[in-house]
PDB file of N, CA and C in Angstrom:
ATOM      1  N   MET A   1      97.799 -51.621   2.925  1.00  0.00           N
ATOM      2  CA  MET A   1      96.547 -51.517   3.309  1.00  0.00           C
ATOM      3  C   MET A   1      95.549 -51.029   2.091  1.00  0.00           C
ATOM      4  N   THR A   2      94.480 -51.650   1.737  1.00  0.00           N
ATOM      5  CA  THR A   2      93.734 -51.067   0.745  1.00  0.00           C
ATOM      6  C   THR A   2      92.524 -50.263   1.184  1.00  0.00           C
ATOM      7  N   ARG A   3      92.307 -49.235   0.398  1.00  0.00           N
ATOM      8  CA  ARG A   3      91.037 -48.452   0.662  1.00  0.00           C
ATOM      9  C   ARG A   3      89.932 -49.050   0.341  1.00  0.00           C
ATOM     10  N   PRO A   4      88.934 -48.832   0.966  1.00  0.00           N
ATOM     11  CA  PRO A   4      87.565 -49.413   0.608  1.00  0.00           C
ATOM     12  C   PRO A   4      86.896 -48.582  -0.627  1.00  0.00           C
ATOM     13  N   PRO A   5      86.221 -49.254  -1.446  1.00  0.00           N
ATOM     14  CA  PRO A   5      85.613 -48.610  -2.431  1.00  0.00           C
ATOM     15  C   PRO A   5      84.648 -47.401  -2.113  1.00  0.00           C
ATOM     16  N   PRO A   6      84.474 -46.566  -2.985  1.00  0.00           N
ATOM     17  CA  PRO A   6      83.586 -45.404  -2.682  1.00  0.00           C
ATOM     18  C   PRO A   6      82.170 -45.866  -2.461  1.00  0.00           C
ATOM     19  N   ALA A   7      81.306 -45.235  -1.675  1.00  0.00           N
ATOM     20  CA  ALA A   7      79.947 -45.608  -1.287  1.00  0.00           C
ATOM     21  C   ALA A   7      79.117 -45.521  -2.652  1.00  0.00           C
ATOM     22  N   ASP A   8      79.534 -44.701  -3.791  1.00  0.00           N
ATOM     23  CA  ASP A   8      78.742 -44.642  -4.809  1.00  0.00           C
ATOM     24  C   ASP A   8      78.710 -46.060  -5.525  1.00  0.00           C
ATOM     25  N   HIS A   9      79.726 -46.759  -5.442  1.00  0.00           N
ATOM     26  CA  HIS A   9      79.861 -48.122  -5.938  1.00  0.00           C
ATOM     27  C   HIS A   9      78.739 -49.067  -5.666  1.00  0.00           C
ATOM     28  N   TYR A  10      78.541 -49.072  -4.268  1.00  0.00           N
ATOM     29  CA  TYR A  10      77.489 -49.923  -3.700  1.00  0.00           C
ATOM     30  C   TYR A  10      76.078 -49.610  -4.002  1.00  0.00           C
ATOM     31  N   LYS A  11      75.827 -48.235  -4.429  1.00  0.00           N
ATOM     32  CA  LYS A  11      74.616 -47.878  -4.861  1.00  0.00           C
ATOM     33  C   LYS A  11      74.385 -48.575  -6.201  1.00  0.00           C
ATOM     34  N   TRP A  12      75.224 -48.488  -7.095  1.00  0.00           N
ATOM     35  CA  TRP A  12      75.242 -49.178  -8.428  1.00  0.00           C
ATOM     36  C   TRP A  12      74.943 -50.619  -8.259  1.00  0.00           C
ATOM     37  N   VAL A  13      75.664 -51.276  -7.288  1.00  0.00           N
ATOM     38  CA  VAL A  13      75.514 -52.633  -7.171  1.00  0.00           C
ATOM     39  C   VAL A  13      74.019 -53.137  -6.647  1.00  0.00           C
ATOM     40  N   VAL A  14      73.552 -52.294  -5.718  1.00  0.00           N
ATOM     41  CA  VAL A  14      72.195 -52.499  -5.239  1.00  0.00           C
ATOM     42  C   VAL A  14      71.232 -52.227  -6.472  1.00  0.00           C
ATOM     43  N   LEU A  15      71.412 -51.184  -7.078  1.00  0.00           N
ATOM     44  CA  LEU A  15      70.477 -51.036  -8.347  1.00  0.00           C
ATOM     45  C   LEU A  15      70.434 -52.066  -9.388  1.00  0.00           C
ATOM     46  N   ALA A  16      71.684 -52.591  -9.488  1.00  0.00           N
ATOM     47  CA  ALA A  16      71.809 -53.783 -10.586  1.00  0.00           C
ATOM     48  C   ALA A  16      71.204 -55.083 -10.011  1.00  0.00           C
ATOM     49  N   VAL A  17      71.312 -55.358  -8.645  1.00  0.00           N
ATOM     50  CA  VAL A  17      70.762 -56.567  -8.088  1.00  0.00           C
ATOM     51  C   VAL A  17      69.323 -56.401  -8.102  1.00  0.00           C
ATOM     52  N   THR A  18      68.844 -55.183  -7.585  1.00  0.00           N
ATOM     53  CA  THR A  18      67.401 -55.157  -7.702  1.00  0.00           C
ATOM     54  C   THR A  18      66.741 -55.169  -8.981  1.00  0.00           C
ATOM     55  N   THR A  19      67.346 -54.637 -10.077  1.00  0.00           N
ATOM     56  CA  THR A  19      66.770 -54.541 -11.504  1.00  0.00           C
ATOM     57  C   THR A  19      66.757 -55.989 -11.795  1.00  0.00           C
ATOM     58  N   ILE A  20      67.815 -56.886 -11.706  1.00  0.00           N
ATOM     59  CA  ILE A  20      67.852 -58.249 -12.093  1.00  0.00           C
ATOM     60  C   ILE A  20      66.589 -58.974 -11.398  1.00  0.00           C
ATOM     61  N   GLY A  21      66.546 -58.847 -10.075  1.00  0.00           N
ATOM     62  CA  GLY A  21      65.496 -59.394  -9.510  1.00  0.00           C
ATOM     63  C   GLY A  21      64.060 -59.044  -9.902  1.00  0.00           C
ATOM     64  N   VAL A  22      63.943 -57.863 -10.292  1.00  0.00           N
ATOM     65  CA  VAL A  22      62.505 -57.407 -10.850  1.00  0.00           C
ATOM     66  C   VAL A  22      62.264 -58.004 -12.227  1.00  0.00           C
ATOM     67  N   LEU A  23      63.264 -58.014 -13.076  1.00  0.00           N
ATOM     68  CA  LEU A  23      63.320 -58.679 -14.406  1.00  0.00           C
ATOM     69  C   LEU A  23      62.921 -60.090 -14.255  1.00  0.00           C
ATOM     70  N   MET A  24      63.667 -60.855 -13.299  1.00  0.00           N
ATOM     71  CA  MET A  24      63.391 -62.191 -13.109  1.00  0.00           C
ATOM     72  C   MET A  24      61.897 -62.396 -12.780  1.00  0.00           C
ATOM     73  N   PHE A  25      61.406 -61.653 -11.884  1.00  0.00           N
ATOM     74  CA  PHE A  25      60.046 -61.722 -11.358  1.00  0.00           C
ATOM     75  C   PHE A  25      58.981 -61.576 -12.552  1.00  0.00           C
ATOM     76  N   ALA A  26      59.305 -60.750 -13.387  1.00  0.00           N
ATOM     77  CA  ALA A  26      58.469 -60.320 -14.685  1.00  0.00           C
ATOM     78  C   ALA A  26      58.541 -61.521 -15.517  1.00  0.00           C
ATOM     79  N   ILE A  27      59.667 -62.009 -15.743  1.00  0.00           N
ATOM     80  CA  ILE A  27      59.735 -63.027 -16.804  1.00  0.00           C
ATOM     81  C   ILE A  27      59.116 -64.328 -16.136  1.00  0.00           C
ATOM     82  N   ASP A  28      59.211 -64.651 -14.836  1.00  0.00           N
ATOM     83  CA  ASP A  28      58.661 -65.934 -14.279  1.00  0.00           C
ATOM     84  C   ASP A  28      57.167 -65.850 -14.521  1.00  0.00           C
ATOM     85  N   GLY A  29      56.585 -64.656 -14.209  1.00  0.00           N
ATOM     86  CA  GLY A  29      55.159 -64.350 -14.240  1.00  0.00           C
ATOM     87  C   GLY A  29      54.681 -64.519 -15.667  1.00  0.00           C
ATOM     88  N   THR A  30      55.399 -64.070 -16.736  1.00  0.00           N
ATOM     89  CA  THR A  30      55.015 -64.204 -18.051  1.00  0.00           C
ATOM     90  C   THR A  30      55.130 -65.645 -18.509  1.00  0.00           C
ATOM     91  N   VAL A  31      56.129 -66.374 -18.143  1.00  0.00           N
ATOM     92  CA  VAL A  31      56.193 -67.893 -18.457  1.00  0.00           C
ATOM     93  C   VAL A  31      55.097 -68.716 -17.860  1.00  0.00           C
ATOM     94  N   VAL A  32      54.640 -68.322 -16.537  1.00  0.00           N
ATOM     95  CA  VAL A  32      53.568 -68.891 -16.048  1.00  0.00           C
ATOM     96  C   VAL A  32      52.324 -68.658 -16.601  1.00  0.00           C
ATOM     97  N   ILE A  33      51.955 -67.633 -17.113  1.00  0.00           N
ATOM     98  CA  ILE A  33      50.823 -67.007 -17.891  1.00  0.00           C
ATOM     99  C   ILE A  33      50.692 -67.790 -19.172  1.00  0.00           C
ATOM    100  N   LEU A  34      51.784 -67.686 -19.832  1.00  0.00           N
ATOM    101  CA  LEU A  34      51.844 -68.287 -21.252  1.00  0.00           C
ATOM    102  C   LEU A  34      51.569 -70.055 -21.109  1.00  0.00           C
ATOM    103  N   ALA A  35      52.190 -70.591 -20.183  1.00  0.00           N
ATOM    104  CA  ALA A  35      52.068 -71.987 -19.988  1.00  0.00           C
ATOM    105  C   ALA A  35      50.679 -72.535 -19.449  1.00  0.00           C
ATOM    106  N   LEU A  36      49.916 -71.538 -18.831  1.00  0.00           N
ATOM    107  CA  LEU A  36      48.653 -71.829 -18.235  1.00  0.00           C
ATOM    108  C   LEU A  36      47.610 -72.665 -18.806  1.00  0.00           C
ATOM    109  N   PRO A  37      47.556 -72.486 -20.203  1.00  0.00           N
ATOM    110  CA  PRO A  37      46.491 -73.466 -20.875  1.00  0.00           C
ATOM    111  C   PRO A  37      47.111 -74.819 -20.966  1.00  0.00           C
ATOM    112  N   VAL A  38      48.462 -75.133 -21.134  1.00  0.00           N
ATOM    113  CA  VAL A  38      48.967 -76.431 -21.057  1.00  0.00           C
ATOM    114  C   VAL A  38      48.755 -77.054 -19.640  1.00  0.00           C
ATOM    115  N   ILE A  39      48.952 -76.238 -18.605  1.00  0.00           N
ATOM    116  CA  ILE A  39      48.929 -76.617 -17.173  1.00  0.00           C
ATOM    117  C   ILE A  39      47.466 -77.089 -16.913  1.00  0.00           C
ATOM    118  N   ILE A  40      46.486 -76.392 -17.569  1.00  0.00           N
ATOM    119  CA  ILE A  40      45.198 -76.616 -17.245  1.00  0.00           C
ATOM    120  C   ILE A  40      44.716 -77.797 -17.750  1.00  0.00           C
ATOM    121  N   VAL A  41      45.200 -78.218 -19.135  1.00  0.00           N
ATOM    122  CA  VAL A  41      44.881 -79.569 -19.811  1.00  0.00           C
ATOM    123  C   VAL A  41      45.523 -80.612 -19.056  1.00  0.00           C
ATOM    124  N   ASP A  42      46.872 -80.459 -18.633  1.00  0.00           N
ATOM    125  CA  ASP A  42      47.381 -81.590 -18.043  1.00  0.00           C
ATOM    126  C   ASP A  42      46.995 -81.846 -16.613  1.00  0.00           C
ATOM    127  N   LEU A  43      46.458 -80.860 -16.046  1.00  0.00           N
ATOM    128  CA  LEU A  43      45.916 -81.191 -14.664  1.00  0.00           C
ATOM    129  C   LEU A  43      44.297 -81.593 -14.665  1.00  0.00           C
ATOM    130  N   HIS A  44      43.688 -81.491 -15.694  1.00  0.00           N
ATOM    131  CA  HIS A  44      42.212 -81.573 -15.981  1.00  0.00           C
ATOM    132  C   HIS A  44      41.552 -80.762 -15.047  1.00  0.00           C
ATOM    133  N   SER A  45      41.880 -79.502 -15.278  1.00  0.00           N
ATOM    134  CA  SER A  45      41.269 -78.477 -14.192  1.00  0.00           C
ATOM    135  C   SER A  45      40.558 -77.388 -15.356  1.00  0.00           C
ATOM    136  N   ASN A  46      40.219 -76.326 -14.604  1.00  0.00           N
ATOM    137  CA  ASN A  46      39.617 -75.166 -15.284  1.00  0.00           C
ATOM    138  C   ASN A  46      40.270 -74.035 -15.041  1.00  0.00           C
ATOM    139  N   LEU A  47      40.127 -72.873 -15.740  1.00  0.00           N
ATOM    140  CA  LEU A  47      40.841 -71.635 -15.661  1.00  0.00           C
ATOM    141  C   LEU A  47      40.491 -70.950 -14.336  1.00  0.00           C
ATOM    142  N   VAL A  48      39.403 -71.005 -13.839  1.00  0.00           N
ATOM    143  CA  VAL A  48      39.123 -70.375 -12.430  1.00  0.00           C
ATOM    144  C   VAL A  48      39.813 -71.037 -11.355  1.00  0.00           C
ATOM    145  N   ASN A  49      39.887 -72.350 -11.324  1.00  0.00           N
ATOM    146  CA  ASN A  49      40.819 -72.966 -10.262  1.00  0.00           C
ATOM    147  C   ASN A  49      42.284 -72.645 -10.535  1.00  0.00           C
ATOM    148  N   MET A  50      42.732 -72.747 -11.578  1.00  0.00           N
ATOM    149  CA  MET A  50      44.162 -72.293 -11.861  1.00  0.00           C
ATOM    150  C   MET A  50      44.558 -70.781 -11.421  1.00  0.00           C
ATOM    151  N   VAL A  51      43.834 -69.906 -11.780  1.00  0.00           N
ATOM    152  CA  VAL A  51      43.998 -68.531 -11.518  1.00  0.00           C
ATOM    153  C   VAL A  51      43.926 -68.413 -10.052  1.00  0.00           C
ATOM    154  N   TRP A  52      43.014 -69.168  -9.320  1.00  0.00           N
ATOM    155  CA  TRP A  52      42.971 -69.163  -7.836  1.00  0.00           C
ATOM    156  C   TRP A  52      44.227 -69.654  -7.059  1.00  0.00           C
ATOM    157  N   VAL A  53      44.739 -70.823  -7.751  1.00  0.00           N
ATOM    158  CA  VAL A  53      45.934 -71.314  -7.182  1.00  0.00           C
ATOM    159  C   VAL A  53      47.037 -70.451  -7.373  1.00  0.00           C
ATOM    160  N   LEU A  54      47.236 -69.767  -8.503  1.00  0.00           N
ATOM    161  CA  LEU A  54      48.412 -68.886  -8.859  1.00  0.00           C
ATOM    162  C   LEU A  54      48.345 -67.692  -7.994  1.00  0.00           C
ATOM    163  N   MET A  55      46.989 -67.075  -7.755  1.00  0.00           N
ATOM    164  CA  MET A  55      47.109 -65.978  -6.809  1.00  0.00           C
ATOM    165  C   MET A  55      47.299 -66.257  -5.474  1.00  0.00           C
TER     166      MET A  55
END
């Protein structure tokens, strides 16, 4: 019979998963903001409409 891992192990797993999620959210937002000028041109739109859609 194996012993369950200590409770401290789960705290680090939760921290790691949460940190990765926050980093992915930040990277996704940065990519969208950087691509916004190209998206505006491709969709024949303006900045106000695109910001409204993104928010």
